[in-house]
C-alpha atoms as a PDB file:
ATOM      1  CA  MET A   1     193.018  22.630 181.399  1.00  0.00           C
ATOM      2  CA  ALA A   2     195.099  20.094 179.531  1.00  0.00           C
ATOM      3  CA  ASP A   3     193.488  17.450 181.902  1.00  0.00           C
ATOM      4  CA  GLN A   4     189.961  18.015 179.671  1.00  0.00           C
ATOM      5  CA  LEU A   5     191.347  16.357 177.084  1.00  0.00           C
ATOM      6  CA  LEU A   6     189.905  12.743 176.265  1.00  0.00           C
ATOM      7  CA  SER A   7     193.514  11.586 174.444  1.00  0.00           C
ATOM      8  CA  THR A   8     195.116  11.742 177.721  1.00  0.00           C
ATOM      9  CA  VAL A   9     192.643   9.424 179.594  1.00  0.00           C
ATOM     10  CA  GLU A  10     192.872   5.450 180.153  1.00  0.00           C
ATOM     11  CA  ARG A  11     189.691   3.748 178.418  1.00  0.00           C
ATOM     12  CA  ARG A  12     186.400   4.402 180.452  1.00  0.00           C
ATOM     13  CA  GLU A  13     183.647   1.811 181.153  1.00  0.00           C
ATOM     14  CA  THR A  14     181.086   4.808 180.930  1.00  0.00           C
ATOM     15  CA  ILE A  15     180.799   7.924 179.934  1.00  0.00           C
ATOM     16  CA  PRO A  16     181.053  11.284 182.067  1.00  0.00           C
ATOM     17  CA  GLU A  17     177.676  12.894 182.644  1.00  0.00           C
ATOM     18  CA  SER A  18     178.909  15.695 180.973  1.00  0.00           C
ATOM     19  CA  TYR A  19     178.845  13.778 177.521  1.00  0.00           C
ATOM     20  CA  ILE A  20     175.496  12.789 177.914  1.00  0.00           C
ATOM     21  CA  ARG A  21     173.197  14.343 175.222  1.00  0.00           C
ATOM     22  CA  PRO A  22     169.234  15.005 176.463  1.00  0.00           C
ATOM     23  CA  GLU A  23     166.754  12.306 174.903  1.00  0.00           C
ATOM     24  CA  SER A  24     165.520  14.679 172.246  1.00  0.00           C
ATOM     25  CA  ASP A  25     169.016  15.058 170.742  1.00  0.00           C
ATOM     26  CA  ARG A  26     170.439  11.720 170.774  1.00  0.00           C
ATOM     27  CA  PRO A  27     172.060  10.032 167.317  1.00  0.00           C
ATOM     28  CA  ARG A  28     169.665   7.147 167.103  1.00  0.00           C
ATOM     29  CA  LEU A  29     172.192   4.870 165.479  1.00  0.00           C
ATOM     30  CA  ALA A  30     170.378   2.538 164.555  1.00  0.00           C
ATOM     31  CA  GLU A  31     168.046   4.570 162.244  1.00  0.00           C
ATOM     32  CA  VAL A  32     170.617   6.041 159.999  1.00  0.00           C
ATOM     33  CA  THR A  33     170.469   4.676 156.972  1.00  0.00           C
ATOM     34  CA  THR A  34     173.401   3.938 153.876  1.00  0.00           C
ATOM     35  CA  ASP A  35     172.963   5.719 150.610  1.00  0.00           C
ATOM     36  CA  ASN A  36     174.618   3.918 147.440  1.00  0.00           C
ATOM     37  CA  ASN A  37     174.067   7.015 145.237  1.00  0.00           C
ATOM     38  CA  ILE A  38     176.448   9.078 147.433  1.00  0.00           C
ATOM     39  CA  PRO A  39     177.714  11.315 144.314  1.00  0.00           C
ATOM     40  CA  LEU A  40     181.469   9.789 143.482  1.00  0.00           C
ATOM     41  CA  ILE A  41     183.458  11.906 140.954  1.00  0.00           C
ATOM     42  CA  ASP A  42     186.286  11.087 138.882  1.00  0.00           C
ATOM     43  CA  LEU A  43     188.585  14.369 138.601  1.00  0.00           C
ATOM     44  CA  ALA A  44     190.781  12.652 136.298  1.00  0.00           C
ATOM     45  CA  SER A  45     187.809  12.431 133.794  1.00  0.00           C
ATOM     46  CA  LEU A  46     188.717  13.881 130.371  1.00  0.00           C
ATOM     47  CA  GLU A  47     184.866  15.068 129.950  1.00  0.00           C
ATOM     48  CA  LYS A  48     184.893  18.217 131.670  1.00  0.00           C
ATOM     49  CA  GLN A  49     181.285  18.888 130.818  1.00  0.00           C
ATOM     50  CA  ARG A  50     180.364  15.736 132.515  1.00  0.00           C
ATOM     51  CA  VAL A  51     182.489  16.671 135.209  1.00  0.00           C
ATOM     52  CA  ILE A  52     180.616  19.799 135.839  1.00  0.00           C
ATOM     53  CA  ALA A  53     177.049  18.061 135.503  1.00  0.00           C
ATOM     54  CA  GLU A  54     177.930  15.431 138.093  1.00  0.00           C
ATOM     55  CA  ILE A  55     179.265  18.365 140.398  1.00  0.00           C
ATOM     56  CA  GLU A  56     176.043  20.580 140.233  1.00  0.00           C
ATOM     57  CA  ARG A  57     174.082  17.779 140.624  1.00  0.00           C
ATOM     58  CA  ALA A  58     175.551  17.136 143.901  1.00  0.00           C
ATOM     59  CA  CYS A  59     175.807  20.462 144.819  1.00  0.00           C
ATOM     60  CA  ARG A  60     172.187  20.798 144.143  1.00  0.00           C
ATOM     61  CA  THR A  61     170.939  17.594 145.841  1.00  0.00           C
ATOM     62  CA  TYR A  62     173.258  16.582 148.221  1.00  0.00           C
ATOM     63  CA  GLY A  63     175.122  19.661 149.661  1.00  0.00           C
ATOM     64  CA  PHE A  64     178.274  17.226 148.992  1.00  0.00           C
ATOM     65  CA  PHE A  65     180.251  14.799 147.301  1.00  0.00           C
ATOM     66  CA  GLN A  66     183.009  12.509 147.294  1.00  0.00           C
ATOM     67  CA  VAL A  67     186.128  12.670 144.799  1.00  0.00           C
ATOM     68  CA  ILE A  68     188.785   9.966 143.357  1.00  0.00           C
ATOM     69  CA  ASN A  69     191.677  10.681 141.044  1.00  0.00           C
ATOM     70  CA  HIS A  70     192.458  13.914 142.829  1.00  0.00           C
ATOM     71  CA  GLY A  71     195.764  14.021 142.366  1.00  0.00           C
ATOM     72  CA  ILE A  72     196.909  13.913 146.140  1.00  0.00           C
ATOM     73  CA  SER A  73     198.787  10.510 146.286  1.00  0.00           C
ATOM     74  CA  ASN A  74     197.554   7.793 148.588  1.00  0.00           C
ATOM     75  CA  ASP A  75     201.290   7.380 150.398  1.00  0.00           C
ATOM     76  CA  LEU A  76     200.617  11.158 151.131  1.00  0.00           C
ATOM     77  CA  LEU A  77     196.909  10.584 152.761  1.00  0.00           C
ATOM     78  CA  GLU A  78     198.490   7.315 154.786  1.00  0.00           C
ATOM     79  CA  LYS A  79     201.361   9.326 156.219  1.00  0.00           C
ATOM     80  CA  VAL A  80     199.047  12.461 157.147  1.00  0.00           C
ATOM     81  CA  MET A  81     196.595   9.793 158.954  1.00  0.00           C
ATOM     82  CA  ALA A  82     199.278   8.081 160.640  1.00  0.00           C
ATOM     83  CA  VAL A  83     201.344  11.364 161.958  1.00  0.00           C
ATOM     84  CA  GLY A  84     197.879  12.705 163.546  1.00  0.00           C
ATOM     85  CA  LEU A  85     197.313   9.659 165.191  1.00  0.00           C
ATOM     86  CA  GLN A  86     200.745   9.639 166.545  1.00  0.00           C
ATOM     87  CA  PHE A  87     200.616  13.355 167.414  1.00  0.00           C
ATOM     88  CA  PHE A  88     197.436  12.333 169.809  1.00  0.00           C
ATOM     89  CA  ARG A  89     199.314   9.640 171.352  1.00  0.00           C
ATOM     90  CA  LEU A  90     202.011  11.862 173.002  1.00  0.00           C
ATOM     91  CA  PRO A  91     202.380  12.121 176.579  1.00  0.00           C
ATOM     92  CA  ALA A  92     199.873  14.469 178.185  1.00  0.00           C
ATOM     93  CA  GLU A  93     202.711  16.829 179.354  1.00  0.00           C
ATOM     94  CA  GLU A  94     203.968  17.290 175.625  1.00  0.00           C
ATOM     95  CA  LYS A  95     200.136  17.857 174.056  1.00  0.00           C
ATOM     96  CA  ALA A  96     199.595  20.399 177.460  1.00  0.00           C
ATOM     97  CA  LYS A  97     202.013  22.826 175.548  1.00  0.00           C
ATOM     98  CA  LEU A  98     199.445  23.488 172.722  1.00  0.00           C
ATOM     99  CA  TYR A  99     196.080  23.215 174.820  1.00  0.00           C
ATOM    100  CA  SER A 100     194.192  26.493 175.203  1.00  0.00           C
ATOM    101  CA  ASP A 101     190.114  27.132 175.156  1.00  0.00           C
ATOM    102  CA  GLU A 102     190.339  30.091 173.141  1.00  0.00           C
ATOM    103  CA  PRO A 103     188.476  29.646 170.073  1.00  0.00           C
ATOM    104  CA  SER A 104     190.269  32.623 168.054  1.00  0.00           C
ATOM    105  CA  LYS A 105     194.009  31.215 168.790  1.00  0.00           C
ATOM    106  CA  LYS A 106     195.056  30.026 165.437  1.00  0.00           C
ATOM    107  CA  ILE A 107     197.104  27.271 166.529  1.00  0.00           C
ATOM    108  CA  ARG A 108     195.903  25.483 169.432  1.00  0.00           C
ATOM    109  CA  LEU A 109     194.928  21.743 170.518  1.00  0.00           C
ATOM    110  CA  SER A 110     191.384  21.998 172.245  1.00  0.00           C
ATOM    111  CA  THR A 111     188.757  19.377 173.025  1.00  0.00           C
ATOM    112  CA  SER A 112     184.628  19.327 172.294  1.00  0.00           C
ATOM    113  CA  PHE A 113     183.735  22.373 169.718  1.00  0.00           C
ATOM    114  CA  ASN A 114     183.898  25.228 172.580  1.00  0.00           C
ATOM    115  CA  VAL A 115     184.214  24.239 175.883  1.00  0.00           C
ATOM    116  CA  ARG A 116     183.919  27.809 177.280  1.00  0.00           C
ATOM    117  CA  LYS A 117     180.059  28.170 176.016  1.00  0.00           C
ATOM    118  CA  GLU A 118     178.976  24.929 175.522  1.00  0.00           C
ATOM    119  CA  THR A 119     176.787  22.731 178.351  1.00  0.00           C
ATOM    120  CA  VAL A 120     177.404  19.605 176.720  1.00  0.00           C
ATOM    121  CA  HIS A 121     180.457  18.356 175.451  1.00  0.00           C
ATOM    122  CA  ASN A 122     181.507  16.149 172.088  1.00  0.00           C
ATOM    123  CA  TRP A 123     183.539  13.094 172.710  1.00  0.00           C
ATOM    124  CA  ARG A 124     186.211  14.826 170.486  1.00  0.00           C
ATOM    125  CA  ASP A 125     190.198  16.498 170.620  1.00  0.00           C
ATOM    126  CA  TYR A 126     191.374  18.371 167.965  1.00  0.00           C
ATOM    127  CA  LEU A 127     194.462  20.292 166.931  1.00  0.00           C
ATOM    128  CA  ARG A 128     193.635  23.193 165.042  1.00  0.00           C
ATOM    129  CA  LEU A 129     196.395  24.479 162.850  1.00  0.00           C
ATOM    130  CA  HIS A 130     196.007  27.361 160.451  1.00  0.00           C
ATOM    131  CA  CYS A 131     197.805  27.006 157.045  1.00  0.00           C
ATOM    132  CA  HIS A 132     198.353  29.821 154.927  1.00  0.00           C
ATOM    133  CA  PRO A 133     200.152  31.788 154.206  1.00  0.00           C
ATOM    134  CA  LEU A 134     202.192  28.393 155.424  1.00  0.00           C
ATOM    135  CA  GLU A 135     204.916  30.214 156.323  1.00  0.00           C
ATOM    136  CA  GLU A 136     203.752  32.620 158.596  1.00  0.00           C
ATOM    137  CA  PHE A 137     202.210  29.742 160.597  1.00  0.00           C
ATOM    138  CA  LEU A 138     204.566  26.843 160.267  1.00  0.00           C
ATOM    139  CA  PRO A 139     207.027  27.868 163.036  1.00  0.00           C
ATOM    140  CA  GLU A 140     204.498  27.703 165.599  1.00  0.00           C
ATOM    141  CA  TRP A 141     203.200  23.998 164.626  1.00  0.00           C
ATOM    142  CA  PRO A 142     203.965  20.806 166.793  1.00  0.00           C
ATOM    143  CA  SER A 143     207.549  19.971 166.381  1.00  0.00           C
ATOM    144  CA  ASN A 144     206.903  16.323 167.957  1.00  0.00           C
ATOM    145  CA  PRO A 145     206.499  14.213 165.843  1.00  0.00           C
ATOM    146  CA  GLU A 146     209.323  15.215 164.208  1.00  0.00           C
ATOM    147  CA  SER A 147     207.705  14.277 160.513  1.00  0.00           C
ATOM    148  CA  PHE A 148     204.527  16.197 161.287  1.00  0.00           C
ATOM    149  CA  LYS A 149     205.468  19.532 160.065  1.00  0.00           C
ATOM    150  CA  GLU A 150     207.129  18.117 156.974  1.00  0.00           C
ATOM    151  CA  ILE A 151     204.089  15.764 156.219  1.00  0.00           C
ATOM    152  CA  ILE A 152     200.929  18.340 157.242  1.00  0.00           C
ATOM    153  CA  SER A 153     202.927  21.252 155.276  1.00  0.00           C
ATOM    154  CA  THR A 154     203.370  19.116 152.339  1.00  0.00           C
ATOM    155  CA  TYR A 155     199.425  18.143 152.331  1.00  0.00           C
ATOM    156  CA  CYS A 156     198.497  21.713 153.249  1.00  0.00           C
ATOM    157  CA  ARG A 157     199.831  22.796 150.030  1.00  0.00           C
ATOM    158  CA  GLU A 158     197.855  19.940 147.445  1.00  0.00           C
ATOM    159  CA  VAL A 159     194.484  20.362 149.569  1.00  0.00           C
ATOM    160  CA  ARG A 160     194.554  24.261 149.118  1.00  0.00           C
ATOM    161  CA  LEU A 161     195.646  23.492 144.784  1.00  0.00           C
ATOM    162  CA  LEU A 162     193.024  21.098 145.214  1.00  0.00           C
ATOM    163  CA  GLY A 163     190.561  23.269 146.576  1.00  0.00           C
ATOM    164  CA  LEU A 164     190.906  26.240 144.063  1.00  0.00           C
ATOM    165  CA  ARG A 165     190.360  23.629 141.352  1.00  0.00           C
ATOM    166  CA  LEU A 166     187.246  22.509 142.790  1.00  0.00           C
ATOM    167  CA  LEU A 167     185.890  25.991 143.522  1.00  0.00           C
ATOM    168  CA  GLY A 168     186.714  26.786 139.349  1.00  0.00           C
ATOM    169  CA  LEU A 169     184.307  23.484 138.791  1.00  0.00           C
ATOM    170  CA  ILE A 170     181.728  24.693 140.890  1.00  0.00           C
ATOM    171  CA  SER A 171     181.653  28.123 139.379  1.00  0.00           C
ATOM    172  CA  LEU A 172     181.401  26.753 136.036  1.00  0.00           C
ATOM    173  CA  SER A 173     178.517  24.618 137.234  1.00  0.00           C
ATOM    174  CA  LEU A 174     176.451  27.550 138.155  1.00  0.00           C
ATOM    175  CA  GLY A 175     177.296  29.240 134.572  1.00  0.00           C
ATOM    176  CA  LEU A 176     180.023  31.454 136.277  1.00  0.00           C
ATOM    177  CA  GLU A 177     183.301  32.560 135.430  1.00  0.00           C
ATOM    178  CA  GLU A 178     185.888  29.723 136.138  1.00  0.00           C
ATOM    179  CA  ASP A 179     187.547  32.253 138.421  1.00  0.00           C
ATOM    180  CA  TYR A 180     184.362  33.802 139.558  1.00  0.00           C
ATOM    181  CA  ILE A 181     184.323  32.391 143.235  1.00  0.00           C
ATOM    182  CA  GLU A 182     187.454  32.689 143.831  1.00  0.00           C
ATOM    183  CA  LYS A 183     187.742  36.360 142.632  1.00  0.00           C
ATOM    184  CA  VAL A 184     184.628  37.008 145.300  1.00  0.00           C
ATOM    185  CA  LEU A 185     186.292  35.148 148.069  1.00  0.00           C
ATOM    186  CA  GLY A 186     189.941  37.359 148.063  1.00  0.00           C
ATOM    187  CA  GLU A 187     193.353  35.915 149.596  1.00  0.00           C
ATOM    188  CA  GLN A 188     191.427  32.732 150.901  1.00  0.00           C
ATOM    189  CA  GLU A 189     192.354  31.484 154.082  1.00  0.00           C
ATOM    190  CA  GLN A 190     193.197  28.142 154.743  1.00  0.00           C
ATOM    191  CA  HIS A 191     192.993  26.088 158.569  1.00  0.00           C
ATOM    192  CA  MET A 192     192.591  22.558 159.348  1.00  0.00           C
ATOM    193  CA  ALA A 193     191.242  20.379 162.303  1.00  0.00           C
ATOM    194  CA  VAL A 194     193.164  17.333 163.141  1.00  0.00           C
ATOM    195  CA  ASN A 195     190.252  15.331 164.672  1.00  0.00           C
ATOM    196  CA  TYR A 196     190.821  12.200 167.154  1.00  0.00           C
ATOM    197  CA  TYR A 197     187.702  10.531 168.185  1.00  0.00           C
ATOM    198  CA  PRO A 198     188.554   8.265 170.973  1.00  0.00           C
ATOM    199  CA  GLN A 199     186.745   4.822 171.603  1.00  0.00           C
ATOM    200  CA  CYS A 200     184.083   5.517 173.108  1.00  0.00           C
ATOM    201  CA  PRO A 201     181.747   3.074 175.752  1.00  0.00           C
ATOM    202  CA  GLU A 202     178.449   4.489 174.943  1.00  0.00           C
ATOM    203  CA  PRO A 203     178.078   6.121 171.876  1.00  0.00           C
ATOM    204  CA  ASP A 204     174.324   6.335 171.644  1.00  0.00           C
ATOM    205  CA  LEU A 205     174.284   9.004 174.174  1.00  0.00           C
ATOM    206  CA  THR A 206     176.512  11.720 172.893  1.00  0.00           C
ATOM    207  CA  TYR A 207     178.739  12.919 169.345  1.00  0.00           C
ATOM    208  CA  GLY A 208     181.979  13.248 168.202  1.00  0.00           C
ATOM    209  CA  LEU A 209     180.682  16.557 166.537  1.00  0.00           C
ATOM    210  CA  PRO A 210     176.771  17.747 166.802  1.00  0.00           C
ATOM    211  CA  LYS A 211     174.921  18.747 163.869  1.00  0.00           C
ATOM    212  CA  HIS A 212     176.133  21.702 162.116  1.00  0.00           C
ATOM    213  CA  THR A 213     176.881  23.498 159.108  1.00  0.00           C
ATOM    214  CA  ASP A 214     180.172  25.151 157.677  1.00  0.00           C
ATOM    215  CA  PRO A 215     180.986  27.964 158.019  1.00  0.00           C
ATOM    216  CA  ASN A 216     183.523  28.536 154.999  1.00  0.00           C
ATOM    217  CA  ALA A 217     183.248  28.280 151.026  1.00  0.00           C
ATOM    218  CA  LEU A 218     184.648  24.513 151.054  1.00  0.00           C
ATOM    219  CA  THR A 219     185.773  21.801 152.984  1.00  0.00           C
ATOM    220  CA  ILE A 220     188.023  18.680 152.046  1.00  0.00           C
ATOM    221  CA  LEU A 221     188.014  15.947 154.281  1.00  0.00           C
ATOM    222  CA  LEU A 222     189.955  13.182 155.020  1.00  0.00           C
ATOM    223  CA  GLN A 223     188.080   9.954 156.577  1.00  0.00           C
ATOM    224  CA  ASP A 224     189.733   7.543 158.584  1.00  0.00           C
ATOM    225  CA  PRO A 225     189.803   4.463 156.239  1.00  0.00           C
ATOM    226  CA  LYS A 226     188.611   1.862 158.396  1.00  0.00           C
ATOM    227  CA  VAL A 227     186.293   3.615 161.107  1.00  0.00           C
ATOM    228  CA  SER A 228     183.066   5.541 159.433  1.00  0.00           C
ATOM    229  CA  GLY A 229     181.356   7.934 161.309  1.00  0.00           C
ATOM    230  CA  LEU A 230     180.612  11.269 159.252  1.00  0.00           C
ATOM    231  CA  GLN A 231     176.924  11.256 159.140  1.00  0.00           C
ATOM    232  CA  VAL A 232     174.657  13.579 156.683  1.00  0.00           C
ATOM    233  CA  LEU A 233     171.351  14.862 156.730  1.00  0.00           C
ATOM    234  CA  LYS A 234     169.308  13.992 153.832  1.00  0.00           C
ATOM    235  CA  ASP A 235     166.019  15.700 152.600  1.00  0.00           C
ATOM    236  CA  ASP A 236     165.871  17.096 156.270  1.00  0.00           C
ATOM    237  CA  ASN A 237     164.866  14.193 157.386  1.00  0.00           C
ATOM    238  CA  HIS A 238     167.303  11.262 157.745  1.00  0.00           C
ATOM    239  CA  TRP A 239     170.814  10.846 158.091  1.00  0.00           C
ATOM    240  CA  ILE A 240     172.623   8.743 156.115  1.00  0.00           C
ATOM    241  CA  ALA A 241     176.335   7.145 156.900  1.00  0.00           C
ATOM    242  CA  VAL A 242     178.647   8.577 154.613  1.00  0.00           C
ATOM    243  CA  ASN A 243     180.980   5.311 154.418  1.00  0.00           C
ATOM    244  CA  PRO A 244     184.916   5.677 153.632  1.00  0.00           C
ATOM    245  CA  ARG A 245     186.053   4.742 150.221  1.00  0.00           C
ATOM    246  CA  PRO A 246     189.647   3.893 149.480  1.00  0.00           C
ATOM    247  CA  ASN A 247     191.740   7.299 148.427  1.00  0.00           C
ATOM    248  CA  ALA A 248     189.010   9.616 148.385  1.00  0.00           C
ATOM    249  CA  LEU A 249     188.399  12.657 149.839  1.00  0.00           C
ATOM    250  CA  VAL A 250     185.112  14.098 150.909  1.00  0.00           C
ATOM    251  CA  ILE A 251     183.768  17.667 149.565  1.00  0.00           C
ATOM    252  CA  ASN A 252     181.380  19.673 151.532  1.00  0.00           C
ATOM    253  CA  LEU A 253     179.867  22.501 150.430  1.00  0.00           C
ATOM    254  CA  GLY A 254     179.701  25.777 153.529  1.00  0.00           C
ATOM    255  CA  ASP A 255     177.459  28.114 153.648  1.00  0.00           C
ATOM    256  CA  GLN A 256     178.915  30.928 151.792  1.00  0.00           C
ATOM    257  CA  LEU A 257     178.415  28.708 148.665  1.00  0.00           C
ATOM    258  CA  GLN A 258     174.977  28.628 149.236  1.00  0.00           C
ATOM    259  CA  ALA A 259     174.956  32.059 149.446  1.00  0.00           C
ATOM    260  CA  LEU A 260     176.975  32.697 146.104  1.00  0.00           C
ATOM    261  CA  SER A 261     174.589  30.398 144.711  1.00  0.00           C
ATOM    262  CA  ASN A 262     171.298  32.441 146.002  1.00  0.00           C
ATOM    263  CA  GLY A 263     170.705  29.245 147.909  1.00  0.00           C
ATOM    264  CA  ALA A 264     170.287  26.851 144.942  1.00  0.00           C
ATOM    265  CA  TYR A 265     173.638  24.714 145.995  1.00  0.00           C
ATOM    266  CA  LYS A 266     173.295  23.296 149.641  1.00  0.00           C
ATOM    267  CA  SER A 267     175.331  24.036 152.483  1.00  0.00           C
ATOM    268  CA  VAL A 268     174.590  20.311 154.230  1.00  0.00           C
ATOM    269  CA  TRP A 269     174.066  19.806 157.448  1.00  0.00           C
ATOM    270  CA  HIS A 270     176.695  17.084 158.499  1.00  0.00           C
ATOM    271  CA  ARG A 271     177.495  15.279 162.113  1.00  0.00           C
ATOM    272  CA  ALA A 272     180.375  12.612 163.443  1.00  0.00           C
ATOM    273  CA  VAL A 273     179.233  10.163 165.282  1.00  0.00           C
ATOM    274  CA  VAL A 274     181.591   7.914 167.646  1.00  0.00           C
ATOM    275  CA  ASN A 275     182.494   4.430 167.829  1.00  0.00           C
ATOM    276  CA  ALA A 276     182.319   1.648 171.112  1.00  0.00           C
ATOM    277  CA  ALA A 277     184.854  -0.862 168.934  1.00  0.00           C
ATOM    278  CA  GLN A 278     187.648   1.786 167.619  1.00  0.00           C
ATOM    279  CA  GLU A 279     189.029   4.981 168.007  1.00  0.00           C
ATOM    280  CA  ARG A 280     188.875   7.175 164.498  1.00  0.00           C
ATOM    281  CA  MET A 281     190.592   9.945 162.753  1.00  0.00           C
ATOM    282  CA  SER A 282     189.355  12.620 160.509  1.00  0.00           C
ATOM    283  CA  VAL A 283     191.324  15.630 158.829  1.00  0.00           C
ATOM    284  CA  ALA A 284     189.374  18.018 157.752  1.00  0.00           C
ATOM    285  CA  SER A 285     190.880  21.383 155.801  1.00  0.00           C
ATOM    286  CA  PHE A 286     188.815  24.377 155.310  1.00  0.00           C
ATOM    287  CA  LEU A 287     189.298  27.015 152.555  1.00  0.00           C
ATOM    288  CA  CYS A 288     187.678  30.186 154.109  1.00  0.00           C
ATOM    289  CA  PRO A 289     186.645  33.892 152.442  1.00  0.00           C
ATOM    290  CA  CYS A 290     189.174  36.700 153.839  1.00  0.00           C
ATOM    291  CA  ASN A 291     187.540  38.713 156.224  1.00  0.00           C
ATOM    292  CA  SER A 292     186.769  41.651 154.295  1.00  0.00           C
ATOM    293  CA  SER A 293     185.560  39.766 151.445  1.00  0.00           C
ATOM    294  CA  VAL A 294     182.023  40.585 150.358  1.00  0.00           C
ATOM    295  CA  ILE A 295     179.457  37.460 149.979  1.00  0.00           C
ATOM    296  CA  GLY A 296     175.902  37.696 148.572  1.00  0.00           C
ATOM    297  CA  PRO A 297     174.346  35.860 145.638  1.00  0.00           C
ATOM    298  CA  ALA A 298     175.722  36.394 141.862  1.00  0.00           C
ATOM    299  CA  GLN A 299     173.819  38.589 139.666  1.00  0.00           C
ATOM    300  CA  SER A 300     173.425  36.891 137.516  1.00  0.00           C
ATOM    301  CA  LEU A 301     172.026  34.172 139.906  1.00  0.00           C
ATOM    302  CA  VAL A 302     169.227  36.320 140.735  1.00  0.00           C
ATOM    303  CA  ALA A 303     166.284  36.052 138.737  1.00  0.00           C
ATOM    304  CA  ASP A 304     165.135  39.915 137.153  1.00  0.00           C
ATOM    305  CA  GLY A 305     162.567  41.409 139.727  1.00  0.00           C
ATOM    306  CA  ASP A 306     163.484  38.719 142.296  1.00  0.00           C
ATOM    307  CA  ALA A 307     164.942  39.835 146.226  1.00  0.00           C
ATOM    308  CA  PRO A 308     167.961  37.929 146.190  1.00  0.00           C
ATOM    309  CA  VAL A 309     167.646  35.402 148.816  1.00  0.00           C
ATOM    310  CA  TYR A 310     170.378  36.429 151.128  1.00  0.00           C
ATOM    311  CA  ARG A 311     171.884  40.369 152.144  1.00  0.00           C
ATOM    312  CA  SER A 312     175.304  40.933 151.358  1.00  0.00           C
ATOM    313  CA  TYR A 313     177.730  40.613 154.473  1.00  0.00           C
ATOM    314  CA  THR A 314     181.518  40.677 155.211  1.00  0.00           C
ATOM    315  CA  TYR A 315     182.800  36.840 155.861  1.00  0.00           C
ATOM    316  CA  ASP A 316     184.242  38.744 159.066  1.00  0.00           C
ATOM    317  CA  GLU A 317     180.527  39.691 160.331  1.00  0.00           C
ATOM    318  CA  TYR A 318     179.418  35.964 159.093  1.00  0.00           C
ATOM    319  CA  TYR A 319     182.393  34.589 161.460  1.00  0.00           C
ATOM    320  CA  LYS A 320     181.853  36.272 164.278  1.00  0.00           C
ATOM    321  CA  LYS A 321     178.262  35.425 164.457  1.00  0.00           C
ATOM    322  CA  PHE A 322     178.477  31.977 163.981  1.00  0.00           C
ATOM    323  CA  TRP A 323     181.021  31.405 166.744  1.00  0.00           C
ATOM    324  CA  SER A 324     179.012  33.194 169.439  1.00  0.00           C
ATOM    325  CA  ARG A 325     176.140  30.789 168.844  1.00  0.00           C
ATOM    326  CA  ASN A 326     175.462  27.110 169.543  1.00  0.00           C
ATOM    327  CA  LEU A 327     176.780  24.970 166.432  1.00  0.00           C
ATOM    328  CA  ASP A 328     173.710  23.037 166.233  1.00  0.00           C
ATOM    329  CA  GLN A 329     171.435  25.759 166.628  1.00  0.00           C
ATOM    330  CA  GLU A 330     169.318  26.744 163.657  1.00  0.00           C
ATOM    331  CA  HIS A 331     171.408  27.719 160.195  1.00  0.00           C
ATOM    332  CA  CYS A 332     173.471  30.836 160.661  1.00  0.00           C
ATOM    333  CA  LEU A 333     172.608  31.773 157.070  1.00  0.00           C
ATOM    334  CA  GLU A 334     169.033  32.198 157.740  1.00  0.00           C
ATOM    335  CA  LEU A 335     170.097  35.923 159.818  1.00  0.00           C
ATOM    336  CA  PHE A 336     171.111  36.602 156.367  1.00  0.00           C
ATOM    337  CA  ARG A 337     168.186  36.339 154.614  1.00  0.00           C
ATOM    338  CA  SER A 338     166.722  39.429 152.689  1.00  0.00           C
ATOM    339  CA  SER A 339     164.616  41.655 154.801  1.00  0.00           C
ATOM    340  CA  GLN A 340     162.242  41.701 151.676  1.00  0.00           C
ATOM    341  CA  LEU A 341     161.398  38.457 152.019  1.00  0.00           C
ATOM    342  CA  HIS A 342     160.373  38.817 155.684  1.00  0.00           C
END
């Protein structure tokens, strides 16, 4: 099955039929705009209240923001990208050892999104790694390239600390106790996707990943510093390019924060497009509630007498529902709206 990997094939002149989207569902790259007002938050700012206010505005209006001075060194970010690329350039037989298309497998190399279910594939290979508790999963991670485990595990630890810090700031921005969200989410799982988007001869016909929202709580994305590919849906009607900024990380709200905020904050629709001139890498780190945690709107965010926007559910219930559907179907949270609202 590993022969399905895009990263093991020489450059193509056209893309195979199985990657071509129907005409109504293509990226229409010429219509994508840039937005010079994408929130950029300096986490080294001494004005904590201002940072909290900026986060609140970003979460309500955009559903994502970029952070600088986040505490993860530029040297480490560069090493993460470099070792990820080295991995995807390994010989096919080396990569085949890790290949699996079983979605529940915690450490696997795969392609597209869910190759067993989907009718049209995505122009992407990815390495999925579970990262917490690190000592439990580390032995199964790739040991080739030689420096892979050391570099990626260092990054995983630092990303987790950053993610927990951001959840505290997001809690405060909602007027909740700083540790409120962290307590609700329980002992959070953490996993990562090291994404490889090969050069694509016909980028207008396919996606690296089609539009989706993230089912987890918070996503921290390290973008390729040289190649743009992330796009976000703004105001429900047009796509904006989120161009990489030096040393910045993209912070994306997941579905669970939309539910916890009673719909005040957005879990943003986003997608990855591909590039005719260059390959592209990205590393997405996900903080996820523990499976048994019960998610629902914080009591103080539901006005007296109003029904909450979403019913309470366990993360396990949500995640199973998410994986049973196609990536770009209606927002999975719609299935959890309070019955009183219908």
